[in-house]
Amino acid sequence: MTQHKIRLGITEDDVPLGSHLIHFWKTDVEFDSGVRFLQLGIDNESEYCVLFGHDEANARVLETLRRTARHFDQALGGQRLAVLRRESSASATVANIEALFGKAIRSGATAIRYLGILGMGSDPLPGKGASEVTELETTVTALAPRYPCVMVCMYDVNTVSGHLLLASGFATHPLAVWNDELRQNPYCDLKQVPSEDVEGKVTLREA
C-alpha cells in the first residue's frame, strides 16, 4: 500500500503522514517559509490545521496567514484552524492536541497539519521549563505515527538556548529542514515508527 504524503511547502518535498520534523528559522524569509506549511492546509478544504505557540508567535503566524492564505477567514470561522497557547504542561498539551486531532478525524479531514513554534516570548516556558519542552517533543514523536498528520516544529534560533536546540531540537525530530532540503536527522535519539513500514518509500538526503 502506498503511504499518503502531503506537500511540505517549506521545501519542494512531499512528506509522509505520521512525520515529525523540525525547521530552524532565523530570518523573516525563513519564518514565512515555515508558515507556508500551514497555508497549504488552510487552502485545502479537506485538511485540518493546528497552530501551537506562545502568544507573540501565534499572532505573527496568524497575521502572515491573513496575507497569504486565500481561505483564512473560512478556515478560522469553519473551525478548520485551531490555535493552542503555550501555557500548559507537556501532558496537558498532548491531551489538547489529541483532542483536536480526534475532532479533525471525526470531521472527515484527510490530513492534519500541526505547526508548533518555539521561541522565547514575554511569558516564561510553562511547567518545568526546558525539560517540559523536551518531554513534549519526545511524546509528539511517538504520537505522530498514530494520526494522519505531519507535525512541524519551528525553532527560533535567535532566542532559543543552545541546550534546547540540542536536547529538544536535534535530539527528538526524525526529520529536519536544512539548507532548503528535507533530510533524515542523524542526531535524533528517538525511533519513529510510522503506521506502515515506509522503508524504501521515502528518499531523503542524509544530513
Protein backbone atom coordinates (compact mmCIF):
# COMPACT_ATOMS: atom_id res chain seq x y z
CA MET A 1 0.00 0.00 0.00
CA THR A 2 1.33 3.42 -0.93
CA GLN A 3 1.65 5.73 2.03
CA HIS A 4 -0.15 9.03 1.70
CA LYS A 5 2.02 12.13 1.55
CA ILE A 6 1.31 15.87 1.56
CA ARG A 7 3.28 18.81 0.24
CA LEU A 8 5.57 20.28 2.85
CA GLY A 9 5.65 23.81 1.45
CA ILE A 10 8.82 24.73 3.33
CA THR A 11 10.74 22.79 0.68
CA GLU A 12 9.63 21.15 -2.55
CA ASP A 13 9.37 17.77 -0.81
CA ASP A 14 6.30 15.66 -0.16
CA VAL A 15 6.33 14.23 3.36
CA PRO A 16 4.55 11.08 4.63
CA LEU A 17 1.75 11.36 7.14
CA GLY A 18 2.97 10.35 10.57
CA SER A 19 6.09 12.52 10.30
CA HIS A 20 7.58 14.84 12.93
CA LEU A 21 10.17 17.32 11.70
CA ILE A 22 11.98 20.48 12.66
CA HIS A 23 12.55 23.74 10.79
CA PHE A 24 15.09 26.15 12.26
CA TRP A 25 14.43 29.79 11.38
CA LYS A 26 16.44 32.97 11.83
CA THR A 27 15.26 35.41 9.14
CA ASP A 28 11.83 36.72 8.17
CA VAL A 29 12.06 34.75 4.92
CA GLU A 30 12.68 31.52 6.84
CA PHE A 31 9.77 32.28 9.16
CA ASP A 32 7.39 32.87 6.25
CA SER A 33 8.66 29.70 4.62
CA GLY A 34 7.68 27.73 7.70
CA VAL A 35 4.22 29.29 7.82
CA ARG A 36 3.66 28.20 4.22
CA PHE A 37 3.32 24.65 5.56
CA LEU A 38 0.13 25.74 7.35
CA GLN A 39 -1.01 27.92 4.47
CA LEU A 40 -1.24 24.90 2.17
CA GLY A 41 -3.54 23.19 4.64
CA ILE A 42 -5.78 26.20 5.04
CA ASP A 43 -6.21 26.46 1.29
CA ASN A 44 -7.11 22.75 1.07
CA GLU A 45 -10.64 22.28 2.39
CA SER A 46 -10.03 18.60 3.13
CA GLU A 47 -7.23 19.33 5.63
CA TYR A 48 -7.26 20.48 9.26
CA CYS A 49 -4.66 22.79 10.83
CA VAL A 50 -3.38 23.28 14.37
CA LEU A 51 -1.14 26.15 15.49
CA PHE A 52 0.66 25.95 18.84
CA GLY A 53 2.99 28.50 20.41
CA HIS A 54 3.45 31.49 22.69
CA ASP A 55 1.18 34.46 22.12
CA GLU A 56 3.61 36.59 20.10
CA ALA A 57 4.46 33.74 17.73
CA ASN A 58 0.83 32.73 17.23
CA ALA A 59 -0.12 36.33 16.45
CA ARG A 60 2.68 36.61 13.89
CA VAL A 61 1.69 33.34 12.20
CA LEU A 62 -1.96 34.37 12.02
CA GLU A 63 -1.06 37.76 10.56
CA THR A 64 1.08 36.07 7.92
CA LEU A 65 -1.75 33.67 7.07
CA ARG A 66 -4.20 36.55 6.73
CA ARG A 67 -1.94 37.93 3.98
CA THR A 68 -1.11 34.68 2.22
CA ALA A 69 -3.89 32.11 2.68
CA ARG A 70 -6.85 32.56 0.33
CA HIS A 71 -9.28 30.79 2.64
CA PHE A 72 -8.01 32.01 6.01
CA ASP A 73 -11.32 33.51 7.22
CA GLN A 74 -13.25 30.45 6.10
CA ALA A 75 -10.83 28.09 7.85
CA LEU A 76 -10.89 30.08 11.09
CA GLY A 77 -14.65 30.55 11.03
CA GLY A 78 -15.30 26.99 9.90
CA GLN A 79 -13.12 25.58 12.66
CA ARG A 80 -10.52 24.04 10.33
CA LEU A 81 -7.83 26.08 12.08
CA ALA A 82 -7.30 25.65 15.82
CA VAL A 83 -4.93 27.76 17.93
CA LEU A 84 -3.35 26.48 21.15
CA ARG A 85 -1.49 28.73 23.60
CA ARG A 86 1.74 27.64 25.25
CA GLU A 87 0.50 27.65 28.82
CA SER A 88 0.21 24.04 29.99
CA SER A 89 2.39 21.12 30.99
CA ALA A 90 3.60 18.69 28.34
CA SER A 91 1.00 16.09 29.31
CA ALA A 92 -1.86 18.62 29.21
CA THR A 93 -0.65 19.98 25.87
CA VAL A 94 -0.53 16.49 24.35
CA ALA A 95 -4.06 15.82 25.63
CA ASN A 96 -5.25 19.03 23.95
CA ILE A 97 -3.50 18.09 20.70
CA GLU A 98 -5.04 14.63 20.69
CA ALA A 99 -8.50 16.09 21.34
CA LEU A 100 -8.12 18.37 18.32
CA PHE A 101 -6.76 15.56 16.15
CA GLY A 102 -9.72 13.37 17.11
CA LYS A 103 -12.09 16.19 16.21
CA ALA A 104 -10.38 16.57 12.83
CA ILE A 105 -10.72 12.87 12.05
CA ARG A 106 -14.38 12.84 13.03
CA SER A 107 -14.98 15.82 10.73
CA GLY A 108 -13.54 13.85 7.80
CA ALA A 109 -10.16 15.57 7.43
CA THR A 110 -7.82 13.72 5.06
CA ALA A 111 -4.71 15.16 6.71
CA ILE A 112 -3.80 17.23 9.78
CA ARG A 113 -1.08 19.87 9.71
CA TYR A 114 0.38 20.85 13.07
CA LEU A 115 2.75 23.82 13.36
CA GLY A 116 4.44 24.35 16.71
CA ILE A 117 6.52 27.48 17.33
CA LEU A 118 9.29 27.52 19.91
CA GLY A 119 10.78 30.86 20.85
CA MET A 120 11.14 32.99 23.94
CA GLY A 121 8.06 35.16 24.30
CA SER A 122 7.15 37.52 27.12
CA ASP A 123 5.90 34.63 29.27
CA PRO A 124 8.31 32.00 30.64
CA LEU A 125 8.21 28.41 29.49
CA PRO A 126 5.39 26.58 31.31
CA GLY A 127 5.78 23.88 33.91
CA LYS A 128 9.32 22.59 34.31
CA GLY A 129 10.68 24.92 31.65
CA ALA A 130 13.22 23.45 29.22
CA SER A 131 12.68 19.87 30.37
CA GLU A 132 8.94 20.33 29.71
CA VAL A 133 9.76 21.18 26.09
CA THR A 134 11.91 18.07 25.69
CA GLU A 135 9.18 15.92 27.22
CA LEU A 136 6.61 17.38 24.82
CA GLU A 137 8.81 16.83 21.77
CA THR A 138 9.62 13.26 22.79
CA THR A 139 5.93 12.46 23.24
CA VAL A 140 5.00 14.09 19.94
CA THR A 141 7.48 11.89 18.05
CA ALA A 142 5.64 8.83 19.39
CA LEU A 143 2.25 10.46 18.80
CA ALA A 144 2.65 11.49 15.16
CA PRO A 145 2.57 8.00 13.56
CA ARG A 146 -0.79 7.30 15.21
CA TYR A 147 -2.59 10.01 13.24
CA PRO A 148 -2.90 11.16 9.60
CA CYS A 149 -0.75 14.16 10.40
CA VAL A 150 2.50 15.96 9.74
CA MET A 151 3.88 17.79 12.76
CA VAL A 152 6.34 20.62 12.08
CA CYS A 153 8.19 22.43 14.86
CA MET A 154 9.75 25.82 14.10
CA TYR A 155 12.63 26.81 16.38
CA ASP A 156 13.68 30.44 16.62
CA VAL A 157 17.48 30.21 16.70
CA ASN A 158 17.62 33.91 17.66
CA THR A 159 16.09 33.25 21.09
CA VAL A 160 16.12 29.51 21.85
CA SER A 161 19.01 28.38 24.05
CA GLY A 162 21.74 26.12 22.78
CA HIS A 163 20.62 23.48 25.26
CA LEU A 164 17.09 23.43 23.85
CA LEU A 165 18.34 23.43 20.25
CA LEU A 166 20.29 20.26 21.03
CA ALA A 167 18.11 18.44 23.57
CA SER A 168 14.69 19.28 22.11
CA GLY A 169 15.51 20.23 18.53
CA PHE A 170 18.11 17.90 17.11
CA ALA A 171 17.58 15.02 19.56
CA THR A 172 13.82 14.49 19.14
CA HIS A 173 12.95 15.13 15.47
CA PRO A 174 13.47 12.28 12.98
CA LEU A 175 13.43 14.72 10.04
CA ALA A 176 14.89 18.20 9.64
CA VAL A 177 14.81 21.02 7.10
CA TRP A 178 18.38 22.08 6.38
CA ASN A 179 19.65 24.28 3.53
CA ASP A 180 16.20 24.27 1.92
CA GLU A 181 16.06 20.47 1.84
CA LEU A 182 14.24 17.87 3.91
CA ARG A 183 16.74 15.43 5.40
CA GLN A 184 16.90 12.49 7.74
CA ASN A 185 18.20 13.78 11.07
CA PRO A 186 21.14 11.60 12.19
CA TYR A 187 21.19 13.30 15.61
CA CYS A 188 17.70 12.16 16.61
CA ASP A 189 17.89 9.79 19.59
CA LEU A 190 14.30 8.60 19.17
CA LYS A 191 12.80 5.97 16.91
CA GLN A 192 9.74 6.95 14.93
CA VAL A 193 7.65 4.02 13.71
CA PRO A 194 5.00 5.04 11.15
CA SER A 195 1.71 3.16 10.95
CA GLU A 196 3.06 1.49 7.80
CA ASP A 197 6.56 0.29 7.01
CA VAL A 198 7.94 3.06 4.83
CA GLU A 199 11.40 1.64 4.31
CA GLY A 200 12.33 2.27 0.70
CA LYS A 201 9.39 4.59 0.15
CA VAL A 202 10.97 7.81 1.42
CA THR A 203 14.05 9.09 -0.32
CA LEU A 204 15.67 11.88 1.66
CA ARG A 205 19.19 13.23 1.81
CA GLU A 206 21.29 12.41 4.83
CA ALA A 207 22.34 15.50 6.80
